[in-house]
Amino acid sequence: MEPRFLLLSDVATELNVSDSQVYHMVRSGELPAIKIGGRGQWRVERARLEEYIERKYAETAEWVRGNPLAEREPEER
């Protein structure tokens, strides 16, 4: 059984980004997280991470639709 909550380092591994990038995503509110314990350790619920990933897929698909690849003119020889 997978843990419900992930360390920021676990999230970084899942997303293949740096720990500092995940920290910034959490602190900016882009990725929902909670602080727990006396030292205020950040944790990201696995379900929230999956929702974040789905949201990013949707945002990327929207961006791709709005920014289609331009067909290049064939180069003349």
PDB file of N, CA and C in Angstrom:
ATOM      1  N   MET A   1       0.841  -1.187   0.000  1.00  0.00           N
ATOM      2  CA  MET A   1       0.000   0.000   0.000  1.00  0.00           C
ATOM      3  C   MET A   1       0.884   1.248   0.000  1.00  0.00           C
ATOM      4  N   GLU A   2       0.591   2.163  -0.893  1.00  0.00           N
ATOM      5  CA  GLU A   2       1.356   3.397  -0.985  1.00  0.00           C
ATOM      6  C   GLU A   2       0.964   4.346   0.142  1.00  0.00           C
ATOM      7  N   PRO A   3       1.923   5.137   0.630  1.00  0.00           N
ATOM      8  CA  PRO A   3       1.591   6.097   1.687  1.00  0.00           C
ATOM      9  C   PRO A   3       0.648   7.175   1.170  1.00  0.00           C
ATOM     10  N   ARG A   4      -0.211   7.661   2.057  1.00  0.00           N
ATOM     11  CA  ARG A   4      -1.152   8.725   1.684  1.00  0.00           C
ATOM     12  C   ARG A   4      -0.427  10.042   1.464  1.00  0.00           C
ATOM     13  N   PHE A   5       0.572  10.321   2.310  1.00  0.00           N
ATOM     14  CA  PHE A   5       1.285  11.593   2.237  1.00  0.00           C
ATOM     15  C   PHE A   5       2.729  11.377   1.791  1.00  0.00           C
ATOM     16  N   LEU A   6       3.226  12.313   0.998  1.00  0.00           N
ATOM     17  CA  LEU A   6       4.570  12.234   0.449  1.00  0.00           C
ATOM     18  C   LEU A   6       5.435  13.378   0.976  1.00  0.00           C
ATOM     19  N   LEU A   7       6.704  13.105   1.163  1.00  0.00           N
ATOM     20  CA  LEU A   7       7.680  14.143   1.452  1.00  0.00           C
ATOM     21  C   LEU A   7       7.875  14.964   0.176  1.00  0.00           C
ATOM     22  N   LEU A   8       8.346  16.201   0.328  1.00  0.00           N
ATOM     23  CA  LEU A   8       8.613  17.004  -0.860  1.00  0.00           C
ATOM     24  C   LEU A   8       9.659  16.343  -1.747  1.00  0.00           C
ATOM     25  N   SER A   9      10.609  15.660  -1.142  1.00  0.00           N
ATOM     26  CA  SER A   9      11.628  14.960  -1.932  1.00  0.00           C
ATOM     27  C   SER A   9      11.012  13.818  -2.741  1.00  0.00           C
ATOM     28  N   ASP A  10       9.986  13.164  -2.180  1.00  0.00           N
ATOM     29  CA  ASP A  10       9.281  12.111  -2.924  1.00  0.00           C
ATOM     30  C   ASP A  10       8.541  12.701  -4.124  1.00  0.00           C
ATOM     31  N   VAL A  11       7.921  13.858  -3.914  1.00  0.00           N
ATOM     32  CA  VAL A  11       7.212  14.540  -4.994  1.00  0.00           C
ATOM     33  C   VAL A  11       8.198  14.946  -6.082  1.00  0.00           C
ATOM     34  N   ALA A  12       9.358  15.455  -5.672  1.00  0.00           N
ATOM     35  CA  ALA A  12      10.377  15.848  -6.635  1.00  0.00           C
ATOM     36  C   ALA A  12      10.806  14.656  -7.483  1.00  0.00           C
ATOM     37  N   THR A  13      10.965  13.509  -6.848  1.00  0.00           N
ATOM     38  CA  THR A  13      11.331  12.293  -7.580  1.00  0.00           C
ATOM     39  C   THR A  13      10.232  11.909  -8.562  1.00  0.00           C
ATOM     40  N   GLU A  14       8.989  11.953  -8.104  1.00  0.00           N
ATOM     41  CA  GLU A  14       7.850  11.595  -8.976  1.00  0.00           C
ATOM     42  C   GLU A  14       7.780  12.492 -10.205  1.00  0.00           C
ATOM     43  N   LEU A  15       8.029  13.788 -10.003  1.00  0.00           N
ATOM     44  CA  LEU A  15       7.907  14.756 -11.099  1.00  0.00           C
ATOM     45  C   LEU A  15       9.227  14.965 -11.858  1.00  0.00           C
ATOM     46  N   ASN A  16      10.293  14.352 -11.361  1.00  0.00           N
ATOM     47  CA  ASN A  16      11.620  14.490 -11.964  1.00  0.00           C
ATOM     48  C   ASN A  16      12.059  15.955 -12.020  1.00  0.00           C
ATOM     49  N   VAL A  17      11.884  16.636 -10.880  1.00  0.00           N
ATOM     50  CA  VAL A  17      12.313  18.023 -10.722  1.00  0.00           C
ATOM     51  C   VAL A  17      13.101  18.121  -9.416  1.00  0.00           C
ATOM     52  N   SER A  18      13.648  19.286  -9.132  1.00  0.00           N
ATOM     53  CA  SER A  18      14.434  19.456  -7.905  1.00  0.00           C
ATOM     54  C   SER A  18      13.522  19.653  -6.687  1.00  0.00           C
ATOM     55  N   ASP A  19      14.084  19.384  -5.530  1.00  0.00           N
ATOM     56  CA  ASP A  19      13.366  19.620  -4.278  1.00  0.00           C
ATOM     57  C   ASP A  19      12.964  21.087  -4.166  1.00  0.00           C
ATOM     58  N   SER A  20      13.861  21.988  -4.573  1.00  0.00           N
ATOM     59  CA  SER A  20      13.554  23.414  -4.461  1.00  0.00           C
ATOM     60  C   SER A  20      12.403  23.817  -5.385  1.00  0.00           C
ATOM     61  N   GLN A  21      12.272  23.180  -6.536  1.00  0.00           N
ATOM     62  CA  GLN A  21      11.139  23.472  -7.417  1.00  0.00           C
ATOM     63  C   GLN A  21       9.826  23.060  -6.757  1.00  0.00           C
ATOM     64  N   VAL A  22       9.824  21.906  -6.112  1.00  0.00           N
ATOM     65  CA  VAL A  22       8.612  21.448  -5.423  1.00  0.00           C
ATOM     66  C   VAL A  22       8.300  22.379  -4.265  1.00  0.00           C
ATOM     67  N   TYR A  23       9.299  22.791  -3.515  1.00  0.00           N
ATOM     68  CA  TYR A  23       9.090  23.711  -2.400  1.00  0.00           C
ATOM     69  C   TYR A  23       8.443  25.002  -2.913  1.00  0.00           C
ATOM     70  N   HIS A  24       8.933  25.522  -4.019  1.00  0.00           N
ATOM     71  CA  HIS A  24       8.360  26.740  -4.594  1.00  0.00           C
ATOM     72  C   HIS A  24       6.901  26.500  -5.028  1.00  0.00           C
ATOM     73  N   MET A  25       6.617  25.357  -5.624  1.00  0.00           N
ATOM     74  CA  MET A  25       5.246  25.039  -6.046  1.00  0.00           C
ATOM     75  C   MET A  25       4.309  24.987  -4.840  1.00  0.00           C
ATOM     76  N   VAL A  26       4.795  24.432  -3.741  1.00  0.00           N
ATOM     77  CA  VAL A  26       3.992  24.337  -2.517  1.00  0.00           C
ATOM     78  C   VAL A  26       3.800  25.723  -1.898  1.00  0.00           C
ATOM     79  N   ARG A  27       4.893  26.475  -1.751  1.00  0.00           N
ATOM     80  CA  ARG A  27       4.811  27.798  -1.110  1.00  0.00           C
ATOM     81  C   ARG A  27       3.981  28.785  -1.917  1.00  0.00           C
ATOM     82  N   SER A  28       3.961  28.634  -3.242  1.00  0.00           N
ATOM     83  CA  SER A  28       3.173  29.530  -4.089  1.00  0.00           C
ATOM     84  C   SER A  28       1.703  29.130  -4.139  1.00  0.00           C
ATOM     85  N   GLY A  29       1.384  27.937  -3.622  1.00  0.00           N
ATOM     86  CA  GLY A  29       0.012  27.460  -3.654  1.00  0.00           C
ATOM     87  C   GLY A  29      -0.345  26.690  -4.924  1.00  0.00           C
ATOM     88  N   GLU A  30       0.615  26.556  -5.814  1.00  0.00           N
ATOM     89  CA  GLU A  30       0.369  25.822  -7.059  1.00  0.00           C
ATOM     90  C   GLU A  30       0.070  24.351  -6.777  1.00  0.00           C
ATOM     91  N   LEU A  31       0.782  23.775  -5.813  1.00  0.00           N
ATOM     92  CA  LEU A  31       0.593  22.379  -5.420  1.00  0.00           C
ATOM     93  C   LEU A  31       0.127  22.359  -3.969  1.00  0.00           C
ATOM     94  N   PRO A  32      -1.114  21.921  -3.722  1.00  0.00           N
ATOM     95  CA  PRO A  32      -1.627  21.901  -2.345  1.00  0.00           C
ATOM     96  C   PRO A  32      -0.800  20.972  -1.445  1.00  0.00           C
ATOM     97  N   ALA A  33      -0.532  21.448  -0.237  1.00  0.00           N
ATOM     98  CA  ALA A  33       0.229  20.674   0.741  1.00  0.00           C
ATOM     99  C   ALA A  33      -0.186  21.107   2.139  1.00  0.00           C
ATOM    100  N   ILE A  34       0.259  20.339   3.123  1.00  0.00           N
ATOM    101  CA  ILE A  34      -0.004  20.683   4.515  1.00  0.00           C
ATOM    102  C   ILE A  34       1.316  20.696   5.281  1.00  0.00           C
ATOM    103  N   LYS A  35       1.324  21.457   6.377  1.00  0.00           N
ATOM    104  CA  LYS A  35       2.461  21.466   7.291  1.00  0.00           C
ATOM    105  C   LYS A  35       2.036  20.692   8.528  1.00  0.00           C
ATOM    106  N   ILE A  36       2.881  19.768   8.950  1.00  0.00           N
ATOM    107  CA  ILE A  36       2.547  18.965  10.128  1.00  0.00           C
ATOM    108  C   ILE A  36       3.734  18.931  11.082  1.00  0.00           C
ATOM    109  N   GLY A  37       3.439  18.607  12.322  1.00  0.00           N
ATOM    110  CA  GLY A  37       4.480  18.451  13.325  1.00  0.00           C
ATOM    111  C   GLY A  37       4.986  19.778  13.862  1.00  0.00           C
ATOM    112  N   GLY A  38       5.748  19.682  14.928  1.00  0.00           N
ATOM    113  CA  GLY A  38       6.281  20.861  15.602  1.00  0.00           C
ATOM    114  C   GLY A  38       7.246  21.657  14.746  1.00  0.00           C
ATOM    115  N   ARG A  39       7.915  20.996  13.828  1.00  0.00           N
ATOM    116  CA  ARG A  39       8.876  21.679  12.966  1.00  0.00           C
ATOM    117  C   ARG A  39       8.259  22.103  11.637  1.00  0.00           C
ATOM    118  N   GLY A  40       6.970  21.856  11.463  1.00  0.00           N
ATOM    119  CA  GLY A  40       6.279  22.292  10.256  1.00  0.00           C
ATOM    120  C   GLY A  40       6.780  21.640   8.985  1.00  0.00           C
ATOM    121  N   GLN A  41       6.850  20.327   8.998  1.00  0.00           N
ATOM    122  CA  GLN A  41       7.289  19.583   7.821  1.00  0.00           C
ATOM    123  C   GLN A  41       6.182  19.545   6.776  1.00  0.00           C
ATOM    124  N   TRP A  42       6.528  19.830   5.524  1.00  0.00           N
ATOM    125  CA  TRP A  42       5.552  19.814   4.442  1.00  0.00           C
ATOM    126  C   TRP A  42       5.269  18.388   3.992  1.00  0.00           C
ATOM    127  N   ARG A  43       3.987  18.130   3.702  1.00  0.00           N
ATOM    128  CA  ARG A  43       3.564  16.855   3.137  1.00  0.00           C
ATOM    129  C   ARG A  43       2.545  17.127   2.041  1.00  0.00           C
ATOM    130  N   VAL A  44       2.631  16.330   0.987  1.00  0.00           N
ATOM    131  CA  VAL A  44       1.699  16.437  -0.132  1.00  0.00           C
ATOM    132  C   VAL A  44       0.906  15.140  -0.193  1.00  0.00           C
ATOM    133  N   GLU A  45      -0.405  15.275  -0.160  1.00  0.00           N
ATOM    134  CA  GLU A  45      -1.257  14.093  -0.253  1.00  0.00           C
ATOM    135  C   GLU A  45      -1.172  13.536  -1.672  1.00  0.00           C
ATOM    136  N   ARG A  46      -0.997  12.230  -1.774  1.00  0.00           N
ATOM    137  CA  ARG A  46      -0.853  11.589  -3.078  1.00  0.00           C
ATOM    138  C   ARG A  46      -2.007  11.957  -4.018  1.00  0.00           C
ATOM    139  N   ALA A  47      -3.229  12.003  -3.490  1.00  0.00           N
ATOM    140  CA  ALA A  47      -4.385  12.351  -4.329  1.00  0.00           C
ATOM    141  C   ALA A  47      -4.248  13.767  -4.882  1.00  0.00           C
ATOM    142  N   ARG A  48      -3.716  14.698  -4.083  1.00  0.00           N
ATOM    143  CA  ARG A  48      -3.526  16.078  -4.550  1.00  0.00           C
ATOM    144  C   ARG A  48      -2.444  16.138  -5.629  1.00  0.00           C
ATOM    145  N   LEU A  49      -1.410  15.310  -5.482  1.00  0.00           N
ATOM    146  CA  LEU A  49      -0.375  15.249  -6.511  1.00  0.00           C
ATOM    147  C   LEU A  49      -0.962  14.740  -7.822  1.00  0.00           C
ATOM    148  N   GLU A  50      -1.779  13.719  -7.759  1.00  0.00           N
ATOM    149  CA  GLU A  50      -2.398  13.185  -8.976  1.00  0.00           C
ATOM    150  C   GLU A  50      -3.322  14.225  -9.619  1.00  0.00           C
ATOM    151  N   GLU A  51      -4.065  14.974  -8.792  1.00  0.00           N
ATOM    152  CA  GLU A  51      -4.921  16.045  -9.323  1.00  0.00           C
ATOM    153  C   GLU A  51      -4.072  17.121  -9.991  1.00  0.00           C
ATOM    154  N   TYR A  52      -2.942  17.453  -9.366  1.00  0.00           N
ATOM    155  CA  TYR A  52      -2.027  18.446  -9.925  1.00  0.00           C
ATOM    156  C   TYR A  52      -1.525  17.994 -11.299  1.00  0.00           C
ATOM    157  N   ILE A  53      -1.131  16.738 -11.393  1.00  0.00           N
ATOM    158  CA  ILE A  53      -0.632  16.204 -12.659  1.00  0.00           C
ATOM    159  C   ILE A  53      -1.723  16.267 -13.726  1.00  0.00           C
ATOM    160  N   GLU A  54      -2.935  15.870 -13.382  1.00  0.00           N
ATOM    161  CA  GLU A  54      -4.049  15.935 -14.343  1.00  0.00           C
ATOM    162  C   GLU A  54      -4.305  17.372 -14.783  1.00  0.00           C
ATOM    163  N   ARG A  55      -4.246  18.301 -13.836  1.00  0.00           N
ATOM    164  CA  ARG A  55      -4.443  19.718 -14.158  1.00  0.00           C
ATOM    165  C   ARG A  55      -3.366  20.208 -15.119  1.00  0.00           C
ATOM    166  N   LYS A  56      -2.136  19.785 -14.907  1.00  0.00           N
ATOM    167  CA  LYS A  56      -1.034  20.182 -15.787  1.00  0.00           C
ATOM    168  C   LYS A  56      -1.208  19.591 -17.182  1.00  0.00           C
ATOM    169  N   TYR A  57      -1.708  18.351 -17.273  1.00  0.00           N
ATOM    170  CA  TYR A  57      -2.004  17.770 -18.589  1.00  0.00           C
ATOM    171  C   TYR A  57      -3.044  18.617 -19.309  1.00  0.00           C
ATOM    172  N   ALA A  58      -4.098  19.013 -18.605  1.00  0.00           N
ATOM    173  CA  ALA A  58      -5.159  19.823 -19.217  1.00  0.00           C
ATOM    174  C   ALA A  58      -4.619  21.187 -19.646  1.00  0.00           C
ATOM    175  N   GLU A  59      -3.824  21.828 -18.797  1.00  0.00           N
ATOM    176  CA  GLU A  59      -3.235  23.126 -19.140  1.00  0.00           C
ATOM    177  C   GLU A  59      -2.316  23.007 -20.356  1.00  0.00           C
ATOM    178  N   THR A  60      -1.540  21.945 -20.399  1.00  0.00           N
ATOM    179  CA  THR A  60      -0.633  21.743 -21.523  1.00  0.00           C
ATOM    180  C   THR A  60      -1.407  21.501 -22.809  1.00  0.00           C
ATOM    181  N   ALA A  61      -2.466  20.698 -22.740  1.00  0.00           N
ATOM    182  CA  ALA A  61      -3.286  20.434 -23.927  1.00  0.00           C
ATOM    183  C   ALA A  61      -3.910  21.720 -24.438  1.00  0.00           C
ATOM    184  N   GLU A  62      -4.377  22.567 -23.532  1.00  0.00           N
ATOM    185  CA  GLU A  62      -4.954  23.862 -23.917  1.00  0.00           C
ATOM    186  C   GLU A  62      -3.894  24.735 -24.580  1.00  0.00           C
ATOM    187  N   TRP A  63      -2.699  24.753 -24.021  1.00  0.00           N
ATOM    188  CA  TRP A  63      -1.615  25.538 -24.588  1.00  0.00           C
ATOM    189  C   TRP A  63      -1.264  25.042 -25.995  1.00  0.00           C
ATOM    190  N   VAL A  64      -1.210  23.726 -26.165  1.00  0.00           N
ATOM    191  CA  VAL A  64      -0.878  23.148 -27.471  1.00  0.00           C
ATOM    192  C   VAL A  64      -1.939  23.527 -28.507  1.00  0.00           C
ATOM    193  N   ARG A  65      -3.209  23.474 -28.095  1.00  0.00           N
ATOM    194  CA  ARG A  65      -4.283  23.872 -29.022  1.00  0.00           C
ATOM    195  C   ARG A  65      -4.147  25.327 -29.437  1.00  0.00           C
ATOM    196  N   GLY A  66      -3.727  26.174 -28.541  1.00  0.00           N
ATOM    197  CA  GLY A  66      -3.588  27.596 -28.839  1.00  0.00           C
ATOM    198  C   GLY A  66      -2.281  27.962 -29.514  1.00  0.00           C
ATOM    199  N   ASN A  67      -1.343  27.030 -29.544  1.00  0.00           N
ATOM    200  CA  ASN A  67      -0.022  27.286 -30.136  1.00  0.00           C
ATOM    201  C   ASN A  67       0.374  26.137 -31.054  1.00  0.00           C
ATOM    202  N   PRO A  68      -0.357  25.985 -32.158  1.00  0.00           N
ATOM    203  CA  PRO A  68      -0.053  24.842 -33.044  1.00  0.00           C
ATOM    204  C   PRO A  68       1.323  24.992 -33.682  1.00  0.00           C
ATOM    205  N   LEU A  69       1.893  23.859 -34.005  1.00  0.00           N
ATOM    206  CA  LEU A  69       3.162  23.865 -34.721  1.00  0.00           C
ATOM    207  C   LEU A  69       2.924  24.419 -36.116  1.00  0.00           C
ATOM    208  N   ALA A  70       3.709  25.355 -36.518  1.00  0.00           N
ATOM    209  CA  ALA A  70       3.573  25.928 -37.855  1.00  0.00           C
ATOM    210  C   ALA A  70       4.264  25.004 -38.845  1.00  0.00           C
ATOM    211  N   GLU A  71       3.600  24.783 -39.947  1.00  0.00           N
ATOM    212  CA  GLU A  71       4.212  23.983 -41.000  1.00  0.00           C
ATOM    213  C   GLU A  71       5.325  24.798 -41.630  1.00  0.00           C
ATOM    214  N   ARG A  72       6.457  24.204 -41.780  1.00  0.00           N
ATOM    215  CA  ARG A  72       7.579  24.896 -42.402  1.00  0.00           C
ATOM    216  C   ARG A  72       7.475  24.777 -43.912  1.00  0.00           C
ATOM    217  N   GLU A  73       7.833  25.839 -44.549  1.00  0.00           N
ATOM    218  CA  GLU A  73       7.889  25.835 -46.011  1.00  0.00           C
ATOM    219  C   GLU A  73       9.064  24.944 -46.422  1.00  0.00           C
ATOM    220  N   PRO A  74       8.866  24.111 -47.450  1.00  0.00           N
ATOM    221  CA  PRO A  74       9.990  23.293 -47.892  1.00  0.00           C
ATOM    222  C   PRO A  74      11.126  24.182 -48.398  1.00  0.00           C
ATOM    223  N   GLU A  75      12.322  23.798 -48.037  1.00  0.00           N
ATOM    224  CA  GLU A  75      13.483  24.584 -48.476  1.00  0.00           C
ATOM    225  C   GLU A  75      13.738  24.328 -49.950  1.00  0.00           C
ATOM    226  N   GLU A  76      14.032  25.409 -50.673  1.00  0.00           N
ATOM    227  CA  GLU A  76      14.349  25.277 -52.091  1.00  0.00           C
ATOM    228  C   GLU A  76      15.793  24.868 -52.240  1.00  0.00           C
ATOM    229  N   ARG A  77      16.053  24.091 -53.276  1.00  0.00           N
ATOM    230  CA  ARG A  77      17.421  23.645 -53.528  1.00  0.00           C
ATOM    231  C   ARG A  77      18.031  24.421 -54.636  1.00  0.00           C
TER     232      ARG A  77
END
